[in-house]
Amino acid sequence: MSLNDMLDTAHMSRTNFFRVFTKKYKVTPLEYMLQIRLQEAASLLRSSEMSVIHLALEVALSGGNVLAR
């Protein structure tokens, strides 16, 4: 799910959506999406033989460097 998908579903402006989302979840929507993608990546790392680069592409991270942090 992309940020635009979230905005379309919520029928809110970007500014209002960020404010409401951050207040409720204590993280920005972008931080939340990154957390979900990292959780997916961690699960795939444990359960597959995929390379870090392929895994990053699978979960839509910007590249393997994100996983090295």
C-alpha atoms as a PDB file:
ATOM      1  CA  MET A   1       0.000   0.000   0.000  1.00  0.00           C
ATOM      2  CA  SER A   2       1.334   3.412  -0.920  1.00  0.00           C
ATOM      3  CA  LEU A   3       0.839   6.729   0.822  1.00  0.00           C
ATOM      4  CA  ASN A   4      -1.428   7.838  -2.022  1.00  0.00           C
ATOM      5  CA  ASP A   5      -3.558   4.716  -1.502  1.00  0.00           C
ATOM      6  CA  MET A   6      -3.891   5.614   2.172  1.00  0.00           C
ATOM      7  CA  LEU A   7      -4.854   9.205   1.338  1.00  0.00           C
ATOM      8  CA  ASP A   8      -7.444   8.047  -1.205  1.00  0.00           C
ATOM      9  CA  THR A   9      -8.947   5.569   1.256  1.00  0.00           C
ATOM     10  CA  ALA A  10      -9.084   8.113   4.085  1.00  0.00           C
ATOM     11  CA  HIS A  11     -10.472  10.904   1.871  1.00  0.00           C
ATOM     12  CA  MET A  12      -8.217  13.417   3.643  1.00  0.00           C
ATOM     13  CA  SER A  13      -5.609  15.926   2.637  1.00  0.00           C
ATOM     14  CA  ARG A  14      -2.014  14.836   3.113  1.00  0.00           C
ATOM     15  CA  THR A  15      -1.498  17.317   5.955  1.00  0.00           C
ATOM     16  CA  ASN A  16      -4.629  16.287   7.829  1.00  0.00           C
ATOM     17  CA  PHE A  17      -3.954  12.586   7.298  1.00  0.00           C
ATOM     18  CA  PHE A  18      -0.398  12.901   8.677  1.00  0.00           C
ATOM     19  CA  ARG A  19      -1.683  14.788  11.718  1.00  0.00           C
ATOM     20  CA  VAL A  20      -4.478  12.317  12.505  1.00  0.00           C
ATOM     21  CA  PHE A  21      -2.388   9.204  11.769  1.00  0.00           C
ATOM     22  CA  THR A  22       0.591  10.407  13.808  1.00  0.00           C
ATOM     23  CA  LYS A  23      -1.608  11.316  16.756  1.00  0.00           C
ATOM     24  CA  LYS A  24      -3.267   7.886  16.761  1.00  0.00           C
ATOM     25  CA  TYR A  25      -0.257   5.638  16.031  1.00  0.00           C
ATOM     26  CA  LYS A  26       2.602   7.757  17.435  1.00  0.00           C
ATOM     27  CA  VAL A  27       4.567   7.399  14.172  1.00  0.00           C
ATOM     28  CA  THR A  28       4.178   9.057  10.783  1.00  0.00           C
ATOM     29  CA  PRO A  29       2.531   7.068   7.977  1.00  0.00           C
ATOM     30  CA  LEU A  30       5.915   6.785   6.255  1.00  0.00           C
ATOM     31  CA  GLU A  31       7.570   5.427   9.404  1.00  0.00           C
ATOM     32  CA  TYR A  32       4.692   2.966   9.799  1.00  0.00           C
ATOM     33  CA  MET A  33       5.032   1.720   6.211  1.00  0.00           C
ATOM     34  CA  LEU A  34       8.794   1.316   6.688  1.00  0.00           C
ATOM     35  CA  GLN A  35       8.223  -0.689   9.902  1.00  0.00           C
ATOM     36  CA  ILE A  36       5.813  -3.016   8.059  1.00  0.00           C
ATOM     37  CA  ARG A  37       8.273  -3.502   5.194  1.00  0.00           C
ATOM     38  CA  LEU A  38      11.133  -4.201   7.596  1.00  0.00           C
ATOM     39  CA  GLN A  39       8.990  -6.765   9.441  1.00  0.00           C
ATOM     40  CA  GLU A  40       8.239  -8.449   6.108  1.00  0.00           C
ATOM     41  CA  ALA A  41      11.939  -8.412   5.240  1.00  0.00           C
ATOM     42  CA  ALA A  42      12.899  -9.925   8.608  1.00  0.00           C
ATOM     43  CA  SER A  43      10.358 -12.695   8.098  1.00  0.00           C
ATOM     44  CA  LEU A  44      11.672 -13.417   4.600  1.00  0.00           C
ATOM     45  CA  LEU A  45      15.270 -13.416   5.849  1.00  0.00           C
ATOM     46  CA  ARG A  46      14.374 -16.097   8.385  1.00  0.00           C
ATOM     47  CA  SER A  47      12.309 -18.232   6.025  1.00  0.00           C
ATOM     48  CA  SER A  48      13.964 -18.001   2.614  1.00  0.00           C
ATOM     49  CA  GLU A  49      17.267 -18.219   0.819  1.00  0.00           C
ATOM     50  CA  MET A  50      16.668 -14.914  -0.973  1.00  0.00           C
ATOM     51  CA  SER A  51      19.594 -12.492  -1.300  1.00  0.00           C
ATOM     52  CA  VAL A  52      19.331  -9.218   0.592  1.00  0.00           C
ATOM     53  CA  ILE A  53      18.975  -7.272  -2.665  1.00  0.00           C
ATOM     54  CA  HIS A  54      16.164  -9.509  -3.957  1.00  0.00           C
ATOM     55  CA  LEU A  55      14.502  -9.428  -0.571  1.00  0.00           C
ATOM     56  CA  ALA A  56      14.646  -5.603  -0.491  1.00  0.00           C
ATOM     57  CA  LEU A  57      13.050  -5.467  -3.923  1.00  0.00           C
ATOM     58  CA  GLU A  58      10.370  -7.934  -2.834  1.00  0.00           C
ATOM     59  CA  VAL A  59       9.264  -5.762   0.082  1.00  0.00           C
ATOM     60  CA  ALA A  60       9.685  -2.488  -1.863  1.00  0.00           C
ATOM     61  CA  LEU A  61      12.639  -1.096   0.036  1.00  0.00           C
ATOM     62  CA  SER A  62      15.008   1.200  -1.810  1.00  0.00           C
ATOM     63  CA  GLY A  63      17.813  -1.370  -1.819  1.00  0.00           C
ATOM     64  CA  GLY A  64      19.846  -3.690   0.320  1.00  0.00           C
ATOM     65  CA  ASN A  65      21.551  -0.834   2.152  1.00  0.00           C
ATOM     66  CA  VAL A  66      18.350  -0.153   4.104  1.00  0.00           C
ATOM     67  CA  LEU A  67      18.560  -3.636   5.600  1.00  0.00           C
ATOM     68  CA  ALA A  68      22.164  -3.208   6.655  1.00  0.00           C
ATOM     69  CA  ARG A  69      21.279  -0.506   9.193  1.00  0.00           C
END
